[in-house]
Protein backbone atom coordinates (compact mmCIF):
# COMPACT_ATOMS: atom_id res chain seq x y z
CA MET A 1 0.36 -0.22 0.05
CA LEU A 2 0.89 3.10 -0.59
CA ASN A 3 1.65 5.82 1.88
CA TYR A 4 -0.34 9.38 1.68
CA PHE A 5 3.66 11.28 0.89
CA GLU A 6 4.24 8.65 -1.64
CA ILE A 7 0.86 9.13 -3.31
CA LYS A 8 1.16 13.47 -2.27
CA ARG A 9 5.15 12.82 -4.32
CA ARG A 10 3.29 10.67 -7.37
CA ILE A 11 0.84 13.06 -8.18
CA GLN A 12 3.33 16.48 -8.34
CA ARG A 13 5.92 14.08 -10.51
CA LEU A 14 2.65 13.94 -13.27
CA THR A 15 1.41 17.75 -12.37
CA ASN A 16 5.01 18.31 -13.34
CA TYR A 17 5.21 15.81 -16.88
CA GLU A 18 1.77 17.75 -17.82
CA ASN A 19 2.34 21.44 -17.01
CA SER A 20 5.63 22.09 -18.04
CA LEU A 21 7.62 19.01 -19.98
CA TYR A 22 4.75 17.50 -21.93
CA PRO A 23 3.74 20.83 -24.15
CA LYS A 24 8.15 20.43 -25.07
CA LEU A 25 7.70 16.73 -25.14
CA ARG A 26 4.81 17.59 -28.32
CA GLU A 27 6.79 20.73 -30.06
CA ARG A 28 9.02 19.08 -30.95
CA SER A 29 7.52 15.90 -32.23
CA ASP A 30 5.21 18.12 -34.33
CA ARG A 31 8.58 20.27 -35.41
CA LEU A 32 9.89 17.30 -36.45
CA ARG A 33 7.24 16.18 -37.86
CA LYS A 34 7.21 18.78 -40.28
CA GLU A 35 10.61 18.82 -41.16
CA ASN A 36 9.68 15.62 -42.20
CA ARG A 37 6.66 16.59 -44.29
CA THR A 38 9.30 19.58 -46.40
CA LEU A 39 12.19 16.97 -46.54
CA LYS A 40 10.29 14.66 -47.91
CA GLU A 41 9.23 17.10 -50.55
CA GLU A 42 12.33 18.47 -51.58
CA ASN A 43 13.57 14.74 -51.92
CA GLU A 44 10.31 14.98 -54.44
CA LYS A 45 11.84 18.08 -56.41
CA LEU A 46 15.17 16.90 -56.74
CA ARG A 47 13.66 13.38 -58.42
CA LYS A 48 11.87 15.55 -61.07
CA GLU A 49 14.45 17.79 -61.51
CA VAL A 50 17.50 14.54 -61.87
CA LYS A 51 15.32 13.25 -64.61
CA GLN A 52 14.88 16.13 -66.51
CA ILE A 53 18.83 16.93 -66.48
CA GLU A 54 19.33 13.23 -67.90
CA LYS A 55 16.01 13.83 -70.66
CA LEU A 56 17.82 16.82 -71.52
CA LEU A 57 21.55 15.95 -71.58
CA LEU A 58 20.23 12.79 -73.42
CA GLU A 59 18.70 15.06 -76.25
CA LEU A 60 21.40 17.11 -76.13
CA GLU A 61 23.95 14.62 -76.43
CA GLU A 62 21.49 13.45 -79.86
CA LEU A 63 21.56 16.32 -80.92
CA ARG A 64 25.06 16.61 -81.26
CA GLU A 65 25.69 13.82 -82.98
CA MET A 66 23.58 14.75 -85.40
CA VAL A 67 25.25 18.00 -85.46
CA TYR A 68 29.09 17.13 -85.16
CA GLY A 69 28.67 12.87 -86.25
CA LYS A 70 29.86 9.93 -83.30
CA LYS A 71 33.56 10.09 -83.76
CA GLN A 72 34.23 13.95 -83.72
CA ILE A 73 31.80 13.42 -80.80
CA GLU A 74 34.62 10.55 -79.52
CA ARG A 75 37.46 12.49 -80.64
CA ARG A 76 37.06 15.29 -78.15
CA ASN A 77 36.30 13.06 -74.69
CA LYS A 78 38.87 11.19 -75.40
CA LYS A 79 41.33 12.84 -72.60
CA VAL A 80 43.43 10.27 -71.43
CA ARG A 81 45.19 7.73 -74.64
CA LEU A 82 44.49 4.60 -74.05
CA PRO A 83 47.05 2.23 -73.50
CA GLU A 84 48.39 0.09 -76.23
CA LYS A 85 47.17 -3.53 -76.95
CA ASP A 86 48.90 -6.83 -76.31
CA TYR A 87 48.16 -8.55 -78.88
CA GLN A 88 50.25 -11.90 -77.39
CA LYS A 89 47.41 -12.00 -74.38
CA GLY A 90 44.85 -10.11 -77.22
CA GLU A 91 43.97 -8.15 -73.86
CA LYS A 92 45.48 -4.02 -73.25
CA SER A 93 48.25 -3.28 -71.36
CA ILE A 94 47.72 -1.37 -68.44
CA GLN A 95 50.86 1.23 -68.80
CA LYS A 96 51.03 2.18 -64.44
CA ARG A 97 52.80 5.65 -64.47
CA SER A 98 56.65 5.62 -62.61
CA PRO A 99 56.60 7.85 -58.90
CA GLU A 100 58.77 10.83 -60.22
CA SER A 101 55.93 11.19 -63.50
CA TYR A 102 54.00 12.68 -60.30
CA ARG A 103 56.25 15.29 -59.29
CA ARG A 104 57.58 18.56 -60.11
CA ALA A 105 60.31 19.27 -61.90
CA VAL A 106 63.58 20.62 -59.82
CA PRO A 107 63.68 23.75 -61.41
CA GLY A 108 67.39 25.18 -62.57
CA PRO A 109 69.56 28.18 -60.93
CA GLU A 110 68.92 30.65 -63.44
CA GLU A 111 65.16 30.17 -62.04
CA ILE A 112 65.73 30.60 -57.89
CA THR A 113 64.43 33.96 -56.98
CA GLY A 114 65.43 34.18 -53.05
CA GLU A 115 67.15 31.54 -49.81
CA LEU A 116 66.12 30.74 -46.87
CA ARG A 117 68.42 28.62 -44.87
CA PHE A 118 67.05 26.50 -41.78
CA GLU A 119 70.32 26.06 -39.44
CA LEU A 120 70.27 24.10 -36.90
CA ALA A 121 73.76 24.04 -34.64
CA VAL A 122 71.97 22.48 -30.90
CA CYS A 123 69.80 19.59 -30.54
CA PRO A 124 66.48 21.02 -29.69
CA ASP A 125 65.86 18.44 -26.57
CA CYS A 126 68.87 18.47 -24.88
CA GLY A 127 71.05 21.44 -25.40
CA GLU A 128 74.26 19.06 -27.56
CA ASN A 129 76.02 20.20 -30.08
CA LEU A 130 75.40 18.32 -33.12
CA SER A 131 78.13 16.83 -35.47
CA GLU A 132 77.89 15.03 -39.38
CA LYS A 133 75.49 17.92 -39.55
CA GLN A 134 73.94 17.66 -43.54
CA GLU A 135 72.29 19.28 -45.86
CA HIS A 136 68.68 19.08 -47.79
CA VAL A 137 68.18 20.83 -50.45
CA SER A 138 63.91 21.11 -51.33
CA TYR A 139 62.04 24.15 -53.10
CA ARG A 140 58.62 25.96 -53.40
CA GLU A 141 56.90 26.95 -56.31
CA ASP A 142 54.81 30.68 -56.08
CA LEU A 143 54.02 32.88 -57.11
CA ASN A 144 54.25 37.17 -55.30
CA ASP A 145 52.00 38.58 -53.03
CA LEU A 146 48.96 39.50 -55.08
CA SER A 147 49.55 43.44 -54.16
CA MET A 148 53.34 43.19 -55.14
CA LEU A 149 51.46 41.43 -58.42
CA LEU A 150 49.46 44.70 -59.03
CA GLU A 151 52.16 47.36 -57.81
CA THR A 152 54.98 45.33 -60.51
CA ALA A 153 52.17 44.94 -63.40
CA LYS A 154 50.77 48.10 -64.20
CA LYS A 155 52.89 50.68 -65.23
CA VAL A 156 51.69 54.84 -65.91
CA THR A 157 54.79 56.55 -68.44
CA LYS A 158 53.21 60.49 -68.35
CA ARG A 159 55.09 61.85 -71.51
CA ILE A 160 56.52 65.30 -71.82
CA ILE A 161 56.07 65.88 -76.08
CA GLU A 162 58.00 69.83 -76.60
CA SER A 163 56.89 72.02 -79.73
CA GLY A 164 58.36 75.09 -80.95
CA TYR A 165 57.56 77.39 -83.77
CA CYS A 166 60.34 78.02 -86.25
CA GLY A 167 60.82 81.10 -88.03
CA HIS A 168 62.34 80.26 -91.31
CA CYS A 169 59.16 77.39 -92.01
CA ARG A 170 56.71 78.47 -90.65
CA LYS A 171 55.80 75.60 -88.64
CA ARG A 172 55.84 74.78 -85.05
CA LYS A 173 57.06 71.93 -84.96
CA ARG A 174 57.46 68.32 -82.37
CA ALA A 175 59.86 65.92 -80.95
CA MET A 176 57.41 63.33 -81.92
CA GLU A 177 53.85 62.95 -82.86
CA ILE A 178 50.62 64.29 -80.66
CA PRO A 179 48.53 61.16 -79.34
CA LYS A 180 44.61 62.02 -80.39
CA GLN A 181 44.09 60.76 -77.29
CA THR A 182 45.33 62.18 -73.95
CA VAL A 183 45.46 58.43 -72.39
CA GLU A 184 46.11 55.30 -74.59
CA ILE A 185 47.16 52.26 -74.15
CA GLY A 186 50.56 50.26 -74.74
CA ARG A 187 52.39 47.84 -76.34
CA ASN A 188 52.56 45.36 -74.04
CA VAL A 189 48.72 44.93 -73.14
CA LYS A 190 47.40 44.38 -76.79
CA ALA A 191 50.04 42.00 -76.85
CA MET A 192 48.45 40.49 -73.51
CA ILE A 193 45.05 41.26 -74.72
CA VAL A 194 45.36 39.29 -77.97
CA TYR A 195 47.24 35.82 -76.39
CA LEU A 196 43.70 35.92 -74.17
CA HIS A 197 41.48 36.01 -76.66
CA VAL A 198 43.34 34.10 -78.97
CA LEU A 199 45.45 31.72 -77.64
CA LEU A 200 43.21 30.86 -74.96
CA GLY A 201 39.56 31.65 -75.99
CA LEU A 202 38.35 33.56 -73.72
CA SER A 203 35.46 36.56 -74.09
CA HIS A 204 35.82 40.29 -73.91
CA LYS A 205 34.10 39.98 -70.87
CA GLU A 206 36.89 37.62 -69.44
CA VAL A 207 39.28 39.55 -71.11
CA GLU A 208 38.26 42.30 -69.24
CA SER A 209 37.40 40.69 -65.73
CA HIS A 210 41.01 39.41 -66.19
CA LEU A 211 42.95 42.04 -66.31
CA ASN A 212 40.54 44.53 -63.73
CA SER A 213 41.23 41.69 -61.19
CA MET A 214 44.91 40.13 -62.32
CA TYR A 215 46.98 43.96 -62.99
CA GLY A 216 44.39 46.47 -62.10
CA PHE A 217 44.26 47.52 -65.17
CA GLU A 218 40.98 48.66 -65.92
CA ILE A 219 39.72 48.62 -69.65
CA SER A 220 36.46 48.65 -72.00
CA GLU A 221 35.23 45.73 -74.93
CA GLY A 222 35.51 48.10 -77.33
CA MET A 223 39.07 49.86 -75.96
CA ILE A 224 39.51 45.31 -77.01
CA SER A 225 37.79 45.16 -80.14
CA ARG A 226 40.10 47.91 -81.27
CA SER A 227 43.09 47.02 -80.14
CA LEU A 228 41.80 43.53 -81.66
CA GLU A 229 41.79 45.24 -85.82
CA GLU A 230 45.39 47.54 -84.64
CA GLN A 231 47.11 44.25 -83.75
CA SER A 232 44.91 42.45 -86.88
CA ASP A 233 46.54 45.18 -89.26
CA LEU A 234 49.70 44.74 -88.36
CA LEU A 235 49.87 41.07 -88.61
CA ARG A 236 48.55 41.53 -92.58
CA PRO A 237 51.20 42.04 -94.19
CA TYR A 238 53.31 38.53 -92.41
CA TYR A 239 50.10 36.17 -92.60
CA GLN A 240 49.89 37.29 -96.83
CA LYS A 241 53.26 36.24 -97.21
CA ILE A 242 52.48 33.26 -95.52
CA TYR A 243 48.99 33.01 -97.55
CA GLN A 244 51.12 33.31 -100.07
CA ASN A 245 54.49 31.39 -99.90
CA LEU A 246 51.77 28.04 -99.25
CA LEU A 247 50.28 28.78 -102.83
CA GLU A 248 53.47 28.47 -104.41
CA GLU A 249 54.87 25.50 -102.69
CA LYS A 250 53.94 21.99 -104.48
CA GLY A 251 52.67 20.62 -101.34
CA CYS A 252 51.02 21.16 -99.01
CA HIS A 253 47.90 19.62 -96.55
CA TYR A 254 45.29 21.42 -94.50
CA ASP A 255 42.75 19.37 -92.44
CA GLU A 256 40.27 21.24 -89.87
CA THR A 257 40.67 21.07 -86.06
CA SER A 258 38.64 20.70 -83.59
CA TRP A 259 40.17 23.84 -81.90
CA ASP A 260 36.49 25.74 -80.47
CA VAL A 261 36.74 29.31 -80.82
CA GLN A 262 33.93 32.48 -78.69
CA ILE A 263 33.45 34.25 -82.45
CA ASN A 264 29.76 34.18 -83.84
CA GLY A 265 29.52 34.39 -87.69
CA GLU A 266 30.66 32.37 -88.97
CA GLY A 267 31.59 29.43 -87.38
CA ASN A 268 33.96 28.42 -84.45
CA PHE A 269 36.11 25.97 -85.74
CA VAL A 270 39.68 26.72 -86.64
CA TRP A 271 41.75 25.42 -90.45
CA VAL A 272 45.16 24.83 -90.89
CA LYS A 273 47.72 24.34 -93.45
CA THR A 274 51.06 23.79 -93.36
CA GLY A 275 53.57 22.83 -95.20
CA VAL A 276 55.74 20.11 -96.79
CA ASP A 277 58.81 21.05 -97.84
CA SER A 278 58.68 24.64 -95.50
CA ASN A 279 58.50 24.79 -91.29
CA GLU A 280 55.58 27.35 -92.41
CA VAL A 281 51.80 27.21 -91.23
CA LEU A 282 48.51 29.10 -91.30
CA PHE A 283 45.86 28.59 -88.81
CA TRP A 284 42.15 30.24 -89.82
CA PHE A 285 40.20 31.16 -86.33
CA GLY A 286 35.87 31.25 -86.13
CA ARG A 287 35.93 29.52 -89.97
CA SER A 288 32.73 26.90 -90.65
CA ARG A 289 32.71 23.32 -91.84
CA GLY A 290 31.86 24.01 -95.39
CA LYS A 291 34.63 22.54 -98.42
CA SER A 292 34.41 26.21 -99.37
CA VAL A 293 37.08 26.56 -96.69
CA ALA A 294 38.34 23.66 -97.82
CA GLU A 295 38.58 25.23 -101.09
CA LYS A 296 39.78 29.15 -100.13
CA LEU A 297 42.22 27.49 -97.91
CA ARG A 298 44.40 25.20 -100.81
CA GLY A 299 43.69 27.75 -103.83
CA ASP A 300 42.88 27.70 -106.74
CA PRO A 301 45.32 24.19 -108.75
CA ARG A 302 45.89 26.27 -111.73
CA GLU A 303 48.35 28.06 -109.87
CA GLY A 304 50.10 24.48 -109.59
CA ASN A 305 49.75 23.41 -105.64
CA VAL A 306 47.84 20.20 -107.24
CA LYS A 307 49.59 18.32 -104.91
CA ASP A 308 47.69 19.54 -101.29
CA GLN A 309 45.90 17.05 -98.99
CA VAL A 310 42.85 17.64 -97.14
CA GLY A 311 41.17 15.72 -94.62
CA ILE A 312 37.70 16.76 -94.16
């Protein structure tokens, strides 16, 4: 039998449970149910999106095969060279890479820009003098601090051009031609623009962002376009000379490459023409895959270069 005090204690515990603990447990249970319901809805939504993405990828792959062809796609997606076949065993032999292939090359003496020496004369544990000391050489390759790169990369030269009036000639003479613009960009920036746009394949917006973030150099997309046109005009005589030399050469090889360029218009492929007897090479960027490009690259066969070979 329970006495009066035990009954009163148990009633007090039940009262405390109903008044404090039970509401907290009920609130927690409701919150967990709500979170579980939300997670289920999000999971179902993600499953539908994954199915939609898989469907779009499949349609994209079918369109790529229709436009480029299956062989062209396989050549673009081929990232790693397949191991050569072992014809004796009838299997593909897997060639393991040596540990040295994963290590960086040791820099030459002319590449070293600084030296740190960590000396040790006594034992760090007991203080005894060390003997038979050896030197272990290692290298750390890194870039300078971003602030230092920004300070040293960009340079601004103030030019003062003198002029004077000649009483004999009755003309004002200048030390050099005065530029039309008060502030103009230099040839090194123009060369960098060509490198970023042509060789690295960056768009005008990406070139603008790269110059601003890496070198603190602000430039507009219009200035980038004008710089590319200017460099193109400077290189046109050299291009015409190479083009004429390849036309006069007895044998050449020309073919379309898989190099993509960001050009909207005629196309986004690169054609190459190389001489058989010479080392001259001609590249055409932003061309289509049409036959007319190959015919124009070949030239007039009546001029004598009928031994050219083309791979389409």
